[in-house]
Amino acid sequence: MSIELPKIDTANLWDKTYMVLKDLIIHRKFKPNEKLSIPDLASQLGVSRTPIRDALNRLEMEGLVKTISKVGTFVTAIGDSEVLDIIDTRLMLELWVVDKLSACPDEELTPKLQPLEDVLDKSSRLVESLPIDEYLRSDYNLQFHMAFIHLGDNRRNIDIYFSLMSYHGLAIEKALFTKEMVTSALNQHYCIINALKCRDFDQVRASIKLHLEDSRERLIKRLKENGGEL
């Protein structure tokens, strides 16, 4: 392990250990397929091995590391097969939210949509005024989809969806998203909201499927152009 890691403040030690390691992985300070040494991490971060093990267990649940019995824990390399699996799971969760929303009366549905509109209106303004790399770091795409998943009001599904989106941060770091991809996604988000306002839930489902299929195709194309894995 060649990088120097900062010592961790002992307040909220386990969460802080997890966040530090996740940030290092997302920003690829640890490289894909790199082996992570628990003793080395504990020594460099100034903590015991127990919070390191806990953090690695949490990161494995998010797909960011993988443990091979009697061999060790390695940083996960995300390739096209992983992206396909993630998009499939995202689609399943988002369509579940649509089913929940279809049962909402009008007076409940309309105010639920406001957070989505707020994120989309802000992102639409800033995409034209900010450099694309600065815009992407704010990840309004993630904000939109998390606001949408929150509409299902299921904490476990929210946590699962958020953990799935780790790959999105990696793609941003690798500059795999272009201005054209961002603009296309924004237009598709507007289609989703407009269909929700009209209570055309078949169109909502169709728009979500189109959006995620488009995202998958564009991302895999860019991924292959840039070495094939994150």
C-alpha atoms as a PDB file:
ATOM      1  CA  MET A   1       0.000   0.000   0.000  1.00  0.00           C
ATOM      2  CA  SER A   2       1.788   3.130  -1.230  1.00  0.00           C
ATOM      3  CA  ILE A   3      -0.486   6.002  -0.163  1.00  0.00           C
ATOM      4  CA  GLU A   4      -0.507   7.743   3.216  1.00  0.00           C
ATOM      5  CA  LEU A   5      -3.866   7.730   4.967  1.00  0.00           C
ATOM      6  CA  PRO A   6      -5.105  10.300   7.499  1.00  0.00           C
ATOM      7  CA  LYS A   7      -5.647   9.290  11.140  1.00  0.00           C
ATOM      8  CA  ILE A   8      -9.334   9.096  12.030  1.00  0.00           C
ATOM      9  CA  ASP A   9     -10.982  11.028  14.862  1.00  0.00           C
ATOM     10  CA  THR A  10     -12.390   8.441  17.288  1.00  0.00           C
ATOM     11  CA  ALA A  11     -15.860  10.073  17.511  1.00  0.00           C
ATOM     12  CA  ASN A  12     -18.305   7.940  15.472  1.00  0.00           C
ATOM     13  CA  LEU A  13     -15.310   5.767  14.690  1.00  0.00           C
ATOM     14  CA  TRP A  14     -16.993   2.995  12.723  1.00  0.00           C
ATOM     15  CA  ASP A  15     -18.943   5.311  10.429  1.00  0.00           C
ATOM     16  CA  LYS A  16     -15.918   7.522   9.842  1.00  0.00           C
ATOM     17  CA  THR A  17     -13.743   4.516   9.013  1.00  0.00           C
ATOM     18  CA  TYR A  18     -16.332   3.343   6.512  1.00  0.00           C
ATOM     19  CA  MET A  19     -16.665   6.802   4.911  1.00  0.00           C
ATOM     20  CA  VAL A  20     -12.890   7.289   4.609  1.00  0.00           C
ATOM     21  CA  LEU A  21     -12.401   3.918   2.939  1.00  0.00           C
ATOM     22  CA  LYS A  22     -15.399   4.385   0.667  1.00  0.00           C
ATOM     23  CA  ASP A  23     -14.108   7.792  -0.447  1.00  0.00           C
ATOM     24  CA  LEU A  24     -10.664   6.357  -1.179  1.00  0.00           C
ATOM     25  CA  ILE A  25     -12.205   3.576  -3.260  1.00  0.00           C
ATOM     26  CA  ILE A  26     -14.646   5.824  -5.123  1.00  0.00           C
ATOM     27  CA  HIS A  27     -11.808   8.194  -6.024  1.00  0.00           C
ATOM     28  CA  ARG A  28      -9.663   5.179  -6.960  1.00  0.00           C
ATOM     29  CA  LYS A  29      -6.845   5.953  -4.543  1.00  0.00           C
ATOM     30  CA  PHE A  30      -7.062   2.178  -4.244  1.00  0.00           C
ATOM     31  CA  LYS A  31      -6.952   0.674  -7.719  1.00  0.00           C
ATOM     32  CA  PRO A  32      -9.337  -1.922  -9.184  1.00  0.00           C
ATOM     33  CA  ASN A  33      -8.387  -5.436  -8.002  1.00  0.00           C
ATOM     34  CA  GLU A  34      -5.942  -4.035  -5.426  1.00  0.00           C
ATOM     35  CA  LYS A  35      -5.668  -6.164  -2.288  1.00  0.00           C
ATOM     36  CA  LEU A  36      -6.520  -4.328   0.930  1.00  0.00           C
ATOM     37  CA  SER A  37      -4.532  -5.282   4.013  1.00  0.00           C
ATOM     38  CA  ILE A  38      -6.566  -4.983   7.222  1.00  0.00           C
ATOM     39  CA  PRO A  39      -3.452  -4.611   9.446  1.00  0.00           C
ATOM     40  CA  ASP A  40      -2.002  -1.930   7.147  1.00  0.00           C
ATOM     41  CA  LEU A  41      -5.290  -0.012   6.978  1.00  0.00           C
ATOM     42  CA  ALA A  42      -5.700  -0.175  10.757  1.00  0.00           C
ATOM     43  CA  SER A  43      -2.153   1.064  11.307  1.00  0.00           C
ATOM     44  CA  GLN A  44      -2.349   3.925   8.827  1.00  0.00           C
ATOM     45  CA  LEU A  45      -5.786   5.105   9.966  1.00  0.00           C
ATOM     46  CA  GLY A  46      -4.880   4.765  13.640  1.00  0.00           C
ATOM     47  CA  VAL A  47      -7.779   2.454  14.514  1.00  0.00           C
ATOM     48  CA  SER A  48      -8.157  -1.165  15.556  1.00  0.00           C
ATOM     49  CA  ARG A  49      -8.876  -3.906  13.046  1.00  0.00           C
ATOM     50  CA  THR A  50     -12.504  -4.251  14.150  1.00  0.00           C
ATOM     51  CA  PRO A  51     -13.859  -1.035  12.532  1.00  0.00           C
ATOM     52  CA  ILE A  52     -11.788  -1.835   9.427  1.00  0.00           C
ATOM     53  CA  ARG A  53     -13.457  -5.242   9.143  1.00  0.00           C
ATOM     54  CA  ASP A  54     -16.877  -3.678   9.707  1.00  0.00           C
ATOM     55  CA  ALA A  55     -16.223  -1.041   7.025  1.00  0.00           C
ATOM     56  CA  LEU A  56     -15.057  -3.670   4.533  1.00  0.00           C
ATOM     57  CA  ASN A  57     -18.153  -5.765   5.224  1.00  0.00           C
ATOM     58  CA  ARG A  58     -20.351  -2.743   4.496  1.00  0.00           C
ATOM     59  CA  LEU A  59     -18.382  -1.922   1.356  1.00  0.00           C
ATOM     60  CA  GLU A  60     -18.717  -5.520   0.172  1.00  0.00           C
ATOM     61  CA  MET A  61     -22.500  -5.251   0.528  1.00  0.00           C
ATOM     62  CA  GLU A  62     -22.281  -2.200  -1.759  1.00  0.00           C
ATOM     63  CA  GLY A  63     -20.207  -4.094  -4.300  1.00  0.00           C
ATOM     64  CA  LEU A  64     -17.125  -1.914  -3.864  1.00  0.00           C
ATOM     65  CA  VAL A  65     -14.880  -4.679  -2.488  1.00  0.00           C
ATOM     66  CA  LYS A  66     -14.961  -8.453  -2.617  1.00  0.00           C
ATOM     67  CA  THR A  67     -13.527 -10.973  -0.160  1.00  0.00           C
ATOM     68  CA  ILE A  68     -12.050 -14.262  -1.308  1.00  0.00           C
ATOM     69  CA  SER A  69     -11.837 -16.829   1.466  1.00  0.00           C
ATOM     70  CA  LYS A  70      -8.265 -17.426   2.701  1.00  0.00           C
ATOM     71  CA  VAL A  71      -6.932 -14.982   0.099  1.00  0.00           C
ATOM     72  CA  GLY A  72      -8.041 -11.476   1.115  1.00  0.00           C
ATOM     73  CA  THR A  73     -10.225  -8.486   0.292  1.00  0.00           C
ATOM     74  CA  PHE A  74      -9.883  -6.748  -3.062  1.00  0.00           C
ATOM     75  CA  VAL A  75     -11.219  -3.545  -4.629  1.00  0.00           C
ATOM     76  CA  THR A  76     -13.955  -4.479  -7.068  1.00  0.00           C
ATOM     77  CA  ALA A  77     -13.377  -3.706 -10.721  1.00  0.00           C
ATOM     78  CA  ILE A  78     -16.668  -2.711 -12.327  1.00  0.00           C
ATOM     79  CA  GLY A  79     -17.102  -3.841 -15.920  1.00  0.00           C
ATOM     80  CA  ASP A  80     -20.002  -4.123 -18.333  1.00  0.00           C
ATOM     81  CA  SER A  81     -21.554  -7.197 -16.677  1.00  0.00           C
ATOM     82  CA  GLU A  82     -21.685  -5.398 -13.324  1.00  0.00           C
ATOM     83  CA  VAL A  83     -23.244  -2.335 -14.955  1.00  0.00           C
ATOM     84  CA  LEU A  84     -25.904  -4.532 -16.579  1.00  0.00           C
ATOM     85  CA  ASP A  85     -26.765  -6.146 -13.245  1.00  0.00           C
ATOM     86  CA  ILE A  86     -26.945  -2.766 -11.481  1.00  0.00           C
ATOM     87  CA  ILE A  87     -29.216  -1.236 -14.109  1.00  0.00           C
ATOM     88  CA  ASP A  88     -31.543  -4.247 -13.933  1.00  0.00           C
ATOM     89  CA  THR A  89     -31.862  -3.844 -10.163  1.00  0.00           C
ATOM     90  CA  ARG A  90     -32.388  -0.103 -10.450  1.00  0.00           C
ATOM     91  CA  LEU A  91     -35.174  -0.724 -12.970  1.00  0.00           C
ATOM     92  CA  MET A  92     -36.866  -3.209 -10.652  1.00  0.00           C
ATOM     93  CA  LEU A  93     -36.797  -0.753  -7.731  1.00  0.00           C
ATOM     94  CA  GLU A  94     -37.974   2.230  -9.769  1.00  0.00           C
ATOM     95  CA  LEU A  95     -40.893   0.303 -11.279  1.00  0.00           C
ATOM     96  CA  TRP A  96     -41.849  -0.768  -7.757  1.00  0.00           C
ATOM     97  CA  VAL A  97     -42.054   2.929  -6.814  1.00  0.00           C
ATOM     98  CA  VAL A  98     -44.339   3.566  -9.806  1.00  0.00           C
ATOM     99  CA  ASP A  99     -46.691   0.849  -8.569  1.00  0.00           C
ATOM    100  CA  LYS A 100     -46.787   2.551  -5.162  1.00  0.00           C
ATOM    101  CA  LEU A 101     -47.453   5.968  -6.688  1.00  0.00           C
ATOM    102  CA  SER A 102     -50.262   4.682  -8.879  1.00  0.00           C
ATOM    103  CA  ALA A 103     -52.274   4.047  -5.703  1.00  0.00           C
ATOM    104  CA  CYS A 104     -51.882   7.645  -4.476  1.00  0.00           C
ATOM    105  CA  PRO A 105     -54.859   9.994  -4.835  1.00  0.00           C
ATOM    106  CA  ASP A 106     -54.200  13.250  -6.700  1.00  0.00           C
ATOM    107  CA  GLU A 107     -54.052  15.366  -3.558  1.00  0.00           C
ATOM    108  CA  GLU A 108     -51.211  13.192  -2.223  1.00  0.00           C
ATOM    109  CA  LEU A 109     -49.313  12.648  -5.469  1.00  0.00           C
ATOM    110  CA  THR A 110     -48.909  16.299  -6.488  1.00  0.00           C
ATOM    111  CA  PRO A 111     -46.926  17.454  -3.414  1.00  0.00           C
ATOM    112  CA  LYS A 112     -44.798  14.281  -3.570  1.00  0.00           C
ATOM    113  CA  LEU A 113     -43.478  15.366  -6.962  1.00  0.00           C
ATOM    114  CA  GLN A 114     -42.134  18.730  -5.794  1.00  0.00           C
ATOM    115  CA  PRO A 115     -38.696  17.455  -4.667  1.00  0.00           C
ATOM    116  CA  LEU A 116     -38.220  15.871  -8.094  1.00  0.00           C
ATOM    117  CA  GLU A 117     -39.128  19.105  -9.834  1.00  0.00           C
ATOM    118  CA  ASP A 118     -36.822  21.124  -7.574  1.00  0.00           C
ATOM    119  CA  VAL A 119     -33.824  18.924  -8.371  1.00  0.00           C
ATOM    120  CA  LEU A 120     -34.589  18.918 -12.082  1.00  0.00           C
ATOM    121  CA  ASP A 121     -35.140  22.674 -12.331  1.00  0.00           C
ATOM    122  CA  LYS A 122     -31.870  23.383 -10.506  1.00  0.00           C
ATOM    123  CA  SER A 123     -29.902  20.895 -12.580  1.00  0.00           C
ATOM    124  CA  SER A 124     -31.366  22.279 -15.825  1.00  0.00           C
ATOM    125  CA  ARG A 125     -30.159  25.763 -14.906  1.00  0.00           C
ATOM    126  CA  LEU A 126     -26.692  24.725 -13.800  1.00  0.00           C
ATOM    127  CA  VAL A 127     -25.878  22.369 -16.664  1.00  0.00           C
ATOM    128  CA  GLU A 128     -25.730  25.409 -18.946  1.00  0.00           C
ATOM    129  CA  SER A 129     -23.726  27.623 -16.591  1.00  0.00           C
ATOM    130  CA  LEU A 130     -21.149  25.252 -15.055  1.00  0.00           C
ATOM    131  CA  PRO A 131     -18.227  23.404 -16.623  1.00  0.00           C
ATOM    132  CA  ILE A 132     -19.338  19.814 -17.169  1.00  0.00           C
ATOM    133  CA  ASP A 133     -16.836  18.360 -14.661  1.00  0.00           C
ATOM    134  CA  GLU A 134     -18.033  20.717 -11.931  1.00  0.00           C
ATOM    135  CA  TYR A 135     -21.659  19.952 -12.741  1.00  0.00           C
ATOM    136  CA  LEU A 136     -21.044  16.206 -12.599  1.00  0.00           C
ATOM    137  CA  ARG A 137     -19.383  16.388  -9.197  1.00  0.00           C
ATOM    138  CA  SER A 138     -22.678  17.659  -7.744  1.00  0.00           C
ATOM    139  CA  ASP A 139     -24.360  14.552  -9.249  1.00  0.00           C
ATOM    140  CA  TYR A 140     -27.848  15.904  -9.800  1.00  0.00           C
ATOM    141  CA  ASN A 141     -28.676  12.649 -11.567  1.00  0.00           C
ATOM    142  CA  LEU A 142     -28.171  10.799  -8.285  1.00  0.00           C
ATOM    143  CA  GLN A 143     -30.206  13.438  -6.441  1.00  0.00           C
ATOM    144  CA  PHE A 144     -33.104  13.009  -8.873  1.00  0.00           C
ATOM    145  CA  HIS A 145     -33.162   9.232  -8.673  1.00  0.00           C
ATOM    146  CA  MET A 146     -32.792   9.187  -4.896  1.00  0.00           C
ATOM    147  CA  ALA A 147     -35.689  11.654  -4.599  1.00  0.00           C
ATOM    148  CA  PHE A 148     -37.706   9.321  -6.802  1.00  0.00           C
ATOM    149  CA  ILE A 149     -36.843   6.220  -4.746  1.00  0.00           C
ATOM    150  CA  HIS A 150     -37.788   8.079  -1.556  1.00  0.00           C
ATOM    151  CA  LEU A 151     -41.334   8.323  -2.940  1.00  0.00           C
ATOM    152  CA  GLY A 152     -41.685   4.595  -2.285  1.00  0.00           C
ATOM    153  CA  ASP A 153     -41.179   5.243   1.445  1.00  0.00           C
ATOM    154  CA  ASN A 154     -39.218   2.038   2.060  1.00  0.00           C
ATOM    155  CA  ARG A 155     -35.959   2.538   3.962  1.00  0.00           C
ATOM    156  CA  ARG A 156     -34.426  -0.783   2.920  1.00  0.00           C
ATOM    157  CA  ASN A 157     -35.068  -0.108  -0.768  1.00  0.00           C
ATOM    158  CA  ILE A 158     -33.635   3.400  -0.397  1.00  0.00           C
ATOM    159  CA  ASP A 159     -30.444   1.991   1.154  1.00  0.00           C
ATOM    160  CA  ILE A 160     -30.147  -0.693  -1.528  1.00  0.00           C
ATOM    161  CA  TYR A 161     -30.599   1.844  -4.320  1.00  0.00           C
ATOM    162  CA  PHE A 162     -28.048   4.249  -2.835  1.00  0.00           C
ATOM    163  CA  SER A 163     -25.468   1.484  -2.495  1.00  0.00           C
ATOM    164  CA  LEU A 164     -26.057   0.506  -6.139  1.00  0.00           C
ATOM    165  CA  MET A 165     -25.193   4.025  -7.262  1.00  0.00           C
ATOM    166  CA  SER A 166     -21.567   3.768  -6.133  1.00  0.00           C
ATOM    167  CA  TYR A 167     -20.664   2.874  -9.716  1.00  0.00           C
ATOM    168  CA  HIS A 168     -22.048   6.258 -10.775  1.00  0.00           C
ATOM    169  CA  GLY A 169     -19.450   8.076  -8.676  1.00  0.00           C
ATOM    170  CA  LEU A 170     -16.726   5.969 -10.240  1.00  0.00           C
ATOM    171  CA  ALA A 171     -17.984   6.837 -13.722  1.00  0.00           C
ATOM    172  CA  ILE A 172     -17.931  10.533 -12.844  1.00  0.00           C
ATOM    173  CA  GLU A 173     -14.347  10.257 -11.584  1.00  0.00           C
ATOM    174  CA  LYS A 174     -13.366   8.579 -14.858  1.00  0.00           C
ATOM    175  CA  ALA A 175     -15.106  11.332 -16.871  1.00  0.00           C
ATOM    176  CA  LEU A 176     -17.315   8.802 -18.645  1.00  0.00           C
ATOM    177  CA  PHE A 177     -20.283  11.170 -18.834  1.00  0.00           C
ATOM    178  CA  THR A 178     -20.501  13.780 -21.571  1.00  0.00           C
ATOM    179  CA  LYS A 179     -22.584  16.954 -21.869  1.00  0.00           C
ATOM    180  CA  GLU A 180     -24.745  15.184 -24.451  1.00  0.00           C
ATOM    181  CA  MET A 181     -25.408  12.287 -22.051  1.00  0.00           C
ATOM    182  CA  VAL A 182     -26.337  14.713 -19.270  1.00  0.00           C
ATOM    183  CA  THR A 183     -28.718  16.680 -21.498  1.00  0.00           C
ATOM    184  CA  SER A 184     -30.388  13.501 -22.732  1.00  0.00           C
ATOM    185  CA  ALA A 185     -30.874  12.300 -19.143  1.00  0.00           C
ATOM    186  CA  LEU A 186     -32.428  15.632 -18.127  1.00  0.00           C
ATOM    187  CA  ASN A 187     -34.924  15.458 -20.991  1.00  0.00           C
ATOM    188  CA  GLN A 188     -35.847  11.924 -19.989  1.00  0.00           C
ATOM    189  CA  HIS A 189     -36.306  13.020 -16.371  1.00  0.00           C
ATOM    190  CA  TYR A 190     -38.761  15.680 -17.572  1.00  0.00           C
ATOM    191  CA  CYS A 191     -40.690  13.001 -19.464  1.00  0.00           C
ATOM    192  CA  ILE A 192     -40.983  10.965 -16.259  1.00  0.00           C
ATOM    193  CA  ILE A 193     -42.268  13.927 -14.251  1.00  0.00           C
ATOM    194  CA  ASN A 194     -44.731  15.021 -16.930  1.00  0.00           C
ATOM    195  CA  ALA A 195     -46.178  11.530 -17.166  1.00  0.00           C
ATOM    196  CA  LEU A 196     -46.501  11.399 -13.370  1.00  0.00           C
ATOM    197  CA  LYS A 197     -48.369  14.708 -13.360  1.00  0.00           C
ATOM    198  CA  CYS A 198     -50.811  13.281 -15.902  1.00  0.00           C
ATOM    199  CA  ARG A 199     -51.124  10.037 -13.903  1.00  0.00           C
ATOM    200  CA  ASP A 200     -50.191   8.152 -17.039  1.00  0.00           C
ATOM    201  CA  PHE A 201     -48.396   5.377 -15.188  1.00  0.00           C
ATOM    202  CA  ASP A 202     -47.936   3.212 -18.267  1.00  0.00           C
ATOM    203  CA  GLN A 203     -46.035   6.114 -19.809  1.00  0.00           C
ATOM    204  CA  VAL A 204     -44.060   6.577 -16.575  1.00  0.00           C
ATOM    205  CA  ARG A 205     -42.968   2.936 -16.747  1.00  0.00           C
ATOM    206  CA  ALA A 206     -42.086   3.250 -20.428  1.00  0.00           C
ATOM    207  CA  SER A 207     -40.096   6.451 -19.790  1.00  0.00           C
ATOM    208  CA  ILE A 208     -38.145   4.879 -16.926  1.00  0.00           C
ATOM    209  CA  LYS A 209     -37.316   1.809 -19.019  1.00  0.00           C
ATOM    210  CA  LEU A 210     -36.178   3.995 -21.912  1.00  0.00           C
ATOM    211  CA  HIS A 211     -34.115   6.186 -19.590  1.00  0.00           C
ATOM    212  CA  LEU A 212     -32.275   3.318 -17.903  1.00  0.00           C
ATOM    213  CA  GLU A 213     -31.753   1.396 -21.147  1.00  0.00           C
ATOM    214  CA  ASP A 214     -30.323   4.530 -22.753  1.00  0.00           C
ATOM    215  CA  SER A 215     -28.071   5.148 -19.748  1.00  0.00           C
ATOM    216  CA  ARG A 216     -26.850   1.558 -19.858  1.00  0.00           C
ATOM    217  CA  GLU A 217     -26.017   1.626 -23.566  1.00  0.00           C
ATOM    218  CA  ARG A 218     -24.242   4.976 -23.411  1.00  0.00           C
ATOM    219  CA  LEU A 219     -22.261   4.090 -20.285  1.00  0.00           C
ATOM    220  CA  ILE A 220     -21.141   0.690 -21.550  1.00  0.00           C
ATOM    221  CA  LYS A 221     -20.032   2.274 -24.832  1.00  0.00           C
ATOM    222  CA  ARG A 222     -17.979   4.866 -22.952  1.00  0.00           C
ATOM    223  CA  LEU A 223     -16.673   2.220 -20.579  1.00  0.00           C
ATOM    224  CA  LYS A 224     -15.364   0.095 -23.456  1.00  0.00           C
ATOM    225  CA  GLU A 225     -13.762   3.174 -25.013  1.00  0.00           C
ATOM    226  CA  ASN A 226     -11.892   3.796 -21.761  1.00  0.00           C
ATOM    227  CA  GLY A 227     -10.371   0.424 -20.943  1.00  0.00           C
ATOM    228  CA  GLY A 228     -13.445  -1.665 -20.151  1.00  0.00           C
ATOM    229  CA  GLU A 229     -13.651  -1.297 -16.373  1.00  0.00           C
ATOM    230  CA  LEU A 230     -13.851   1.211 -13.531  1.00  0.00           C
END
